[in-house]
Amino acid sequence: MTMRDRTIALTACIQHAWWAHRLAQHGEFRIDRLNYAVTNILCTDPDELMDVYGSVNDLKSGIQIARILLSKNASQDINRAEVALITGYVGQLIKISSRLLSSQAAIHELAEHLKKISAEIINTEDPPVSKIAQAYMETISPIAPRIMIQGNGIYLQNDEFAAGIRTHLLAAVRSAVLWRQCGGKLWHFIFQRNTYLMEINKLQQEVHE
């Protein structure tokens, strides 16, 4: 796998972590984002990486946020506190992905959940957010470090919104797993920021406004 593949997977992880944050903090419950998360999660046997993500344009939000995180610069889109928060979430997601990959039992249980969900949604257009969230709670939540999303209590205590947050987190874990399978290591995220930033800038040039 190439550096481009690793960058795409990491960017998708950042995008879903960002969307989980926006939902928890600002109530941005967007069906298009949740549909995209579900698509990423349920594409379990891709021929190539972009079968999971569609196109670079679908990662536009992640590319913008990843550029900010890796350069450690705040902007109008994300302040310094959020830079630190999202960076922390991504680090935790990467650690969780490693522990998930080391547990055949957890992988099998998650695969069975997703297989069942895929079979059940054939005749519906609604994203199976509650079922995805249940899969997350039963397979990912028990894995340390458990991610505690900071947000507004109004949204965190809303069952539908909480399910949406977990759906984005499972999509983020999925991307972190793909990143590792493409050769990503935790120390890369810490010490190869400039290399990733160069690749993200290349991806940015492919985005159609």
C-alpha atoms as a PDB file:
ATOM      1  CA  MET A   1       0.000   0.000   0.000  1.00  0.00           C
ATOM      2  CA  THR A   2       1.168   3.530  -0.770  1.00  0.00           C
ATOM      3  CA  MET A   3       1.565   6.669   1.294  1.00  0.00           C
ATOM      4  CA  ARG A   4      -1.445   8.017  -0.596  1.00  0.00           C
ATOM      5  CA  ASP A   5      -3.546   5.080   0.654  1.00  0.00           C
ATOM      6  CA  ARG A   6      -2.423   5.647   4.232  1.00  0.00           C
ATOM      7  CA  THR A   7      -3.196   9.357   3.916  1.00  0.00           C
ATOM      8  CA  ILE A   8      -6.682   8.704   2.548  1.00  0.00           C
ATOM      9  CA  ALA A   9      -7.518   6.290   5.365  1.00  0.00           C
ATOM     10  CA  LEU A  10      -6.154   8.672   8.013  1.00  0.00           C
ATOM     11  CA  THR A  11      -8.070  11.565   6.473  1.00  0.00           C
ATOM     12  CA  ALA A  12     -11.300   9.546   6.611  1.00  0.00           C
ATOM     13  CA  CYS A  13     -10.641   8.712  10.266  1.00  0.00           C
ATOM     14  CA  ILE A  14     -10.170  12.416  11.012  1.00  0.00           C
ATOM     15  CA  GLN A  15     -13.304  13.302   9.041  1.00  0.00           C
ATOM     16  CA  HIS A  16     -15.532  10.952  11.027  1.00  0.00           C
ATOM     17  CA  ALA A  17     -13.968  12.039  14.328  1.00  0.00           C
ATOM     18  CA  TRP A  18     -14.703  15.644  13.333  1.00  0.00           C
ATOM     19  CA  TRP A  19     -18.284  14.834  12.357  1.00  0.00           C
ATOM     20  CA  ALA A  20     -18.817  12.999  15.665  1.00  0.00           C
ATOM     21  CA  HIS A  21     -17.549  16.115  17.441  1.00  0.00           C
ATOM     22  CA  ARG A  22     -19.787  18.446  15.432  1.00  0.00           C
ATOM     23  CA  LEU A  23     -22.795  16.274  16.194  1.00  0.00           C
ATOM     24  CA  ALA A  24     -21.985  16.092  19.905  1.00  0.00           C
ATOM     25  CA  GLN A  25     -21.075  19.754  20.309  1.00  0.00           C
ATOM     26  CA  HIS A  26     -23.355  21.506  17.824  1.00  0.00           C
ATOM     27  CA  GLY A  27     -26.145  19.040  17.020  1.00  0.00           C
ATOM     28  CA  GLU A  28     -25.171  18.628  13.364  1.00  0.00           C
ATOM     29  CA  PHE A  29     -27.290  15.543  12.718  1.00  0.00           C
ATOM     30  CA  ARG A  30     -26.867  15.150   8.973  1.00  0.00           C
ATOM     31  CA  ILE A  31     -28.295  12.180   7.112  1.00  0.00           C
ATOM     32  CA  ASP A  32     -25.803  12.587   4.248  1.00  0.00           C
ATOM     33  CA  ARG A  33     -22.899  12.249   6.675  1.00  0.00           C
ATOM     34  CA  LEU A  34     -24.470   9.269   8.428  1.00  0.00           C
ATOM     35  CA  ASN A  35     -25.187   7.556   5.105  1.00  0.00           C
ATOM     36  CA  TYR A  36     -21.554   8.036   4.168  1.00  0.00           C
ATOM     37  CA  ALA A  37     -20.418   6.611   7.503  1.00  0.00           C
ATOM     38  CA  VAL A  38     -22.651   3.566   7.024  1.00  0.00           C
ATOM     39  CA  THR A  39     -21.289   3.066   3.497  1.00  0.00           C
ATOM     40  CA  ASN A  40     -17.716   3.154   4.831  1.00  0.00           C
ATOM     41  CA  ILE A  41     -18.563   0.684   7.594  1.00  0.00           C
ATOM     42  CA  LEU A  42     -20.473  -1.845   5.484  1.00  0.00           C
ATOM     43  CA  CYS A  43     -17.969  -1.970   2.618  1.00  0.00           C
ATOM     44  CA  THR A  44     -16.155  -4.854   4.264  1.00  0.00           C
ATOM     45  CA  ASP A  45     -14.591  -6.560   1.235  1.00  0.00           C
ATOM     46  CA  PRO A  46     -13.300  -3.827  -1.098  1.00  0.00           C
ATOM     47  CA  ASP A  47     -11.134  -4.581  -4.123  1.00  0.00           C
ATOM     48  CA  GLU A  48      -9.265  -1.336  -3.486  1.00  0.00           C
ATOM     49  CA  LEU A  49      -9.256   1.374  -0.848  1.00  0.00           C
ATOM     50  CA  MET A  50     -11.361   3.900  -2.760  1.00  0.00           C
ATOM     51  CA  ASP A  51     -14.193   1.364  -3.004  1.00  0.00           C
ATOM     52  CA  VAL A  52     -14.758   2.245   0.658  1.00  0.00           C
ATOM     53  CA  TYR A  53     -14.596   6.013   0.278  1.00  0.00           C
ATOM     54  CA  GLY A  54     -16.010   6.741  -3.164  1.00  0.00           C
ATOM     55  CA  SER A  55     -14.001   9.722  -4.322  1.00  0.00           C
ATOM     56  CA  VAL A  56     -11.544  12.255  -2.952  1.00  0.00           C
ATOM     57  CA  ASN A  57     -14.358  14.799  -3.071  1.00  0.00           C
ATOM     58  CA  ASP A  58     -16.251  12.754  -0.462  1.00  0.00           C
ATOM     59  CA  LEU A  59     -13.315  13.402   1.894  1.00  0.00           C
ATOM     60  CA  LYS A  60     -13.354  17.181   1.428  1.00  0.00           C
ATOM     61  CA  SER A  61     -14.242  17.905   5.057  1.00  0.00           C
ATOM     62  CA  GLY A  62     -11.593  15.513   6.338  1.00  0.00           C
ATOM     63  CA  ILE A  63      -8.934  16.992   4.082  1.00  0.00           C
ATOM     64  CA  GLN A  64      -9.640  20.486   5.400  1.00  0.00           C
ATOM     65  CA  ILE A  65      -9.529  19.394   9.044  1.00  0.00           C
ATOM     66  CA  ALA A  66      -6.523  17.103   8.557  1.00  0.00           C
ATOM     67  CA  ARG A  67      -4.512  19.982   7.089  1.00  0.00           C
ATOM     68  CA  ILE A  68      -5.269  22.033  10.190  1.00  0.00           C
ATOM     69  CA  LEU A  69      -4.510  19.211  12.642  1.00  0.00           C
ATOM     70  CA  LEU A  70      -1.220  18.238  11.043  1.00  0.00           C
ATOM     71  CA  SER A  71      -0.021  21.812  10.716  1.00  0.00           C
ATOM     72  CA  LYS A  72      -1.256  22.557  14.271  1.00  0.00           C
ATOM     73  CA  ASN A  73      -2.817  25.806  13.102  1.00  0.00           C
ATOM     74  CA  ALA A  74      -6.259  26.962  14.154  1.00  0.00           C
ATOM     75  CA  SER A  75      -8.650  28.512  11.634  1.00  0.00           C
ATOM     76  CA  GLN A  76     -12.170  29.827  11.330  1.00  0.00           C
ATOM     77  CA  ASP A  77     -13.334  26.199  11.012  1.00  0.00           C
ATOM     78  CA  ILE A  78     -11.589  24.804  14.091  1.00  0.00           C
ATOM     79  CA  ASN A  79     -10.075  26.587  17.101  1.00  0.00           C
ATOM     80  CA  ARG A  80      -6.981  25.556  19.057  1.00  0.00           C
ATOM     81  CA  ALA A  81      -8.967  23.723  21.731  1.00  0.00           C
ATOM     82  CA  GLU A  82     -10.704  21.690  19.017  1.00  0.00           C
ATOM     83  CA  VAL A  83      -7.378  20.965  17.316  1.00  0.00           C
ATOM     84  CA  ALA A  84      -6.149  19.384  20.553  1.00  0.00           C
ATOM     85  CA  LEU A  85      -9.461  17.589  21.145  1.00  0.00           C
ATOM     86  CA  ILE A  86      -9.760  16.030  17.673  1.00  0.00           C
ATOM     87  CA  THR A  87      -6.064  15.115  17.661  1.00  0.00           C
ATOM     88  CA  GLY A  88      -6.656  13.303  20.952  1.00  0.00           C
ATOM     89  CA  TYR A  89      -9.681  11.471  19.559  1.00  0.00           C
ATOM     90  CA  VAL A  90      -7.693  10.315  16.528  1.00  0.00           C
ATOM     91  CA  GLY A  91      -4.860   9.055  18.719  1.00  0.00           C
ATOM     92  CA  GLN A  92      -7.361   7.047  20.776  1.00  0.00           C
ATOM     93  CA  LEU A  93      -9.021   5.671  17.641  1.00  0.00           C
ATOM     94  CA  ILE A  94      -5.658   4.506  16.336  1.00  0.00           C
ATOM     95  CA  LYS A  95      -4.943   2.711  19.621  1.00  0.00           C
ATOM     96  CA  ILE A  96      -8.391   1.093  19.574  1.00  0.00           C
ATOM     97  CA  SER A  97      -7.844  -0.103  15.999  1.00  0.00           C
ATOM     98  CA  SER A  98      -4.654  -1.871  17.066  1.00  0.00           C
ATOM     99  CA  ARG A  99      -6.373  -3.641  19.947  1.00  0.00           C
ATOM    100  CA  LEU A 100      -9.323  -4.574  17.738  1.00  0.00           C
ATOM    101  CA  LEU A 101      -7.001  -6.133  15.172  1.00  0.00           C
ATOM    102  CA  SER A 102      -5.318  -8.164  17.915  1.00  0.00           C
ATOM    103  CA  SER A 103      -8.637  -9.676  19.082  1.00  0.00           C
ATOM    104  CA  GLN A 104     -10.045 -12.290  16.728  1.00  0.00           C
ATOM    105  CA  ALA A 105     -13.119 -12.601  18.948  1.00  0.00           C
ATOM    106  CA  ALA A 106     -13.928  -8.894  18.675  1.00  0.00           C
ATOM    107  CA  ILE A 107     -13.327  -8.886  14.919  1.00  0.00           C
ATOM    108  CA  HIS A 108     -15.604 -11.901  14.462  1.00  0.00           C
ATOM    109  CA  GLU A 109     -18.348 -10.375  16.626  1.00  0.00           C
ATOM    110  CA  LEU A 110     -18.208  -7.084  14.729  1.00  0.00           C
ATOM    111  CA  ALA A 111     -18.229  -8.894  11.373  1.00  0.00           C
ATOM    112  CA  GLU A 112     -21.338 -10.820  12.397  1.00  0.00           C
ATOM    113  CA  HIS A 113     -23.082  -7.586  13.423  1.00  0.00           C
ATOM    114  CA  LEU A 114     -22.267  -5.934  10.094  1.00  0.00           C
ATOM    115  CA  LYS A 115     -23.280  -8.981   8.077  1.00  0.00           C
ATOM    116  CA  LYS A 116     -26.673  -8.971   9.780  1.00  0.00           C
ATOM    117  CA  ILE A 117     -27.124  -5.216   9.299  1.00  0.00           C
ATOM    118  CA  SER A 118     -26.226  -5.470   5.593  1.00  0.00           C
ATOM    119  CA  ALA A 119     -28.873  -8.147   5.115  1.00  0.00           C
ATOM    120  CA  GLU A 120     -31.542  -6.114   6.916  1.00  0.00           C
ATOM    121  CA  ILE A 121     -31.130  -2.819   5.035  1.00  0.00           C
ATOM    122  CA  ILE A 122     -31.621  -4.112   1.506  1.00  0.00           C
ATOM    123  CA  ASN A 123     -35.209  -2.840   1.354  1.00  0.00           C
ATOM    124  CA  THR A 124     -34.800   0.481   3.153  1.00  0.00           C
ATOM    125  CA  GLU A 125     -33.170   3.814   2.353  1.00  0.00           C
ATOM    126  CA  ASP A 126     -32.835   4.918   5.980  1.00  0.00           C
ATOM    127  CA  PRO A 127     -29.340   4.592   7.472  1.00  0.00           C
ATOM    128  CA  PRO A 128     -29.369   1.860  10.166  1.00  0.00           C
ATOM    129  CA  VAL A 129     -27.911   4.208  12.751  1.00  0.00           C
ATOM    130  CA  SER A 130     -29.360   2.505  15.830  1.00  0.00           C
ATOM    131  CA  LYS A 131     -28.119  -0.933  14.708  1.00  0.00           C
ATOM    132  CA  ILE A 132     -24.661   0.412  13.894  1.00  0.00           C
ATOM    133  CA  ALA A 133     -24.567   2.129  17.285  1.00  0.00           C
ATOM    134  CA  GLN A 134     -25.495  -1.134  18.993  1.00  0.00           C
ATOM    135  CA  ALA A 135     -22.674  -2.905  17.149  1.00  0.00           C
ATOM    136  CA  TYR A 136     -20.300  -0.186  18.327  1.00  0.00           C
ATOM    137  CA  MET A 137     -21.402  -0.498  21.955  1.00  0.00           C
ATOM    138  CA  GLU A 138     -21.059  -4.279  21.986  1.00  0.00           C
ATOM    139  CA  THR A 139     -17.735  -4.570  20.181  1.00  0.00           C
ATOM    140  CA  ILE A 140     -15.778  -1.298  20.344  1.00  0.00           C
ATOM    141  CA  SER A 141     -16.882   0.319  23.609  1.00  0.00           C
ATOM    142  CA  PRO A 142     -15.337  -2.466  25.756  1.00  0.00           C
ATOM    143  CA  ILE A 143     -11.932  -1.850  24.158  1.00  0.00           C
ATOM    144  CA  ALA A 144      -9.649   0.553  26.044  1.00  0.00           C
ATOM    145  CA  PRO A 145      -9.112   3.442  25.784  1.00  0.00           C
ATOM    146  CA  ARG A 146     -12.838   4.122  25.690  1.00  0.00           C
ATOM    147  CA  ILE A 147     -13.520   7.369  23.871  1.00  0.00           C
ATOM    148  CA  MET A 148     -15.508   9.891  25.880  1.00  0.00           C
ATOM    149  CA  ILE A 149     -16.856  12.441  23.427  1.00  0.00           C
ATOM    150  CA  GLN A 150     -17.169  15.934  24.848  1.00  0.00           C
ATOM    151  CA  GLY A 151     -20.303  17.794  23.852  1.00  0.00           C
ATOM    152  CA  ASN A 152     -23.531  19.496  24.764  1.00  0.00           C
ATOM    153  CA  GLY A 153     -25.643  17.457  27.182  1.00  0.00           C
ATOM    154  CA  ILE A 154     -28.758  18.212  25.140  1.00  0.00           C
ATOM    155  CA  TYR A 155     -27.301  16.257  22.225  1.00  0.00           C
ATOM    156  CA  LEU A 156     -25.388  13.626  24.183  1.00  0.00           C
ATOM    157  CA  GLN A 157     -28.540  12.626  26.076  1.00  0.00           C
ATOM    158  CA  ASN A 158     -30.622  12.369  22.897  1.00  0.00           C
ATOM    159  CA  ASP A 159     -30.737   8.691  21.895  1.00  0.00           C
ATOM    160  CA  GLU A 160     -30.854   9.424  18.162  1.00  0.00           C
ATOM    161  CA  PHE A 161     -27.945  11.832  18.337  1.00  0.00           C
ATOM    162  CA  ALA A 162     -25.937   9.477  20.555  1.00  0.00           C
ATOM    163  CA  ALA A 163     -26.468   6.699  18.005  1.00  0.00           C
ATOM    164  CA  GLY A 164     -25.246   9.048  15.283  1.00  0.00           C
ATOM    165  CA  ILE A 165     -22.098   9.829  17.269  1.00  0.00           C
ATOM    166  CA  ARG A 166     -21.365   6.117  17.725  1.00  0.00           C
ATOM    167  CA  THR A 167     -21.949   5.530  14.011  1.00  0.00           C
ATOM    168  CA  HIS A 168     -19.322   8.132  13.139  1.00  0.00           C
ATOM    169  CA  LEU A 169     -16.950   6.654  15.709  1.00  0.00           C
ATOM    170  CA  LEU A 170     -17.331   3.170  14.242  1.00  0.00           C
ATOM    171  CA  ALA A 171     -16.632   4.599  10.788  1.00  0.00           C
ATOM    172  CA  ALA A 172     -13.555   6.292  12.247  1.00  0.00           C
ATOM    173  CA  VAL A 173     -12.376   3.004  13.778  1.00  0.00           C
ATOM    174  CA  ARG A 174     -12.959   1.303  10.418  1.00  0.00           C
ATOM    175  CA  SER A 175     -10.727   3.893   8.764  1.00  0.00           C
ATOM    176  CA  ALA A 176      -8.085   3.562  11.476  1.00  0.00           C
ATOM    177  CA  VAL A 177      -8.057  -0.198  10.868  1.00  0.00           C
ATOM    178  CA  LEU A 178      -7.635   0.375   7.123  1.00  0.00           C
ATOM    179  CA  TRP A 179      -4.848   2.852   7.862  1.00  0.00           C
ATOM    180  CA  ARG A 180      -3.027   0.202   9.878  1.00  0.00           C
ATOM    181  CA  GLN A 181      -3.626  -2.398   7.170  1.00  0.00           C
ATOM    182  CA  CYS A 182      -2.057   0.046   4.700  1.00  0.00           C
ATOM    183  CA  GLY A 183       1.068   0.158   6.874  1.00  0.00           C
ATOM    184  CA  GLY A 184       0.211   2.999   9.259  1.00  0.00           C
ATOM    185  CA  LYS A 185       1.853   3.116  12.689  1.00  0.00           C
ATOM    186  CA  LEU A 186       1.055   5.333  15.673  1.00  0.00           C
ATOM    187  CA  TRP A 187       4.508   6.890  15.565  1.00  0.00           C
ATOM    188  CA  HIS A 188       3.833   7.899  11.930  1.00  0.00           C
ATOM    189  CA  PHE A 189       0.954  10.063  13.151  1.00  0.00           C
ATOM    190  CA  ILE A 190       3.309  11.725  15.621  1.00  0.00           C
ATOM    191  CA  PHE A 191       6.568  12.012  13.662  1.00  0.00           C
ATOM    192  CA  GLN A 192       5.565  11.987   9.986  1.00  0.00           C
ATOM    193  CA  ARG A 193       3.191  14.928  10.057  1.00  0.00           C
ATOM    194  CA  ASN A 194       4.998  16.814   7.295  1.00  0.00           C
ATOM    195  CA  THR A 195       4.940  13.787   5.004  1.00  0.00           C
ATOM    196  CA  TYR A 196       1.211  13.318   5.560  1.00  0.00           C
ATOM    197  CA  LEU A 197       0.640  17.033   5.133  1.00  0.00           C
ATOM    198  CA  MET A 198       2.339  16.943   1.722  1.00  0.00           C
ATOM    199  CA  GLU A 199       0.040  14.097   0.642  1.00  0.00           C
ATOM    200  CA  ILE A 200      -3.035  15.876   2.003  1.00  0.00           C
ATOM    201  CA  ASN A 201      -2.113  18.974   0.025  1.00  0.00           C
ATOM    202  CA  LYS A 202      -2.004  16.774  -3.087  1.00  0.00           C
ATOM    203  CA  LEU A 203      -5.463  15.437  -2.253  1.00  0.00           C
ATOM    204  CA  GLN A 204      -6.708  18.989  -1.787  1.00  0.00           C
ATOM    205  CA  GLN A 205      -5.715  19.751  -5.370  1.00  0.00           C
ATOM    206  CA  GLU A 206      -8.022  16.929  -6.544  1.00  0.00           C
ATOM    207  CA  VAL A 207     -11.083  18.284  -4.743  1.00  0.00           C
ATOM    208  CA  HIS A 208     -13.689  19.859  -7.017  1.00  0.00           C
ATOM    209  CA  GLU A 209     -15.288  22.955  -5.555  1.00  0.00           C
END
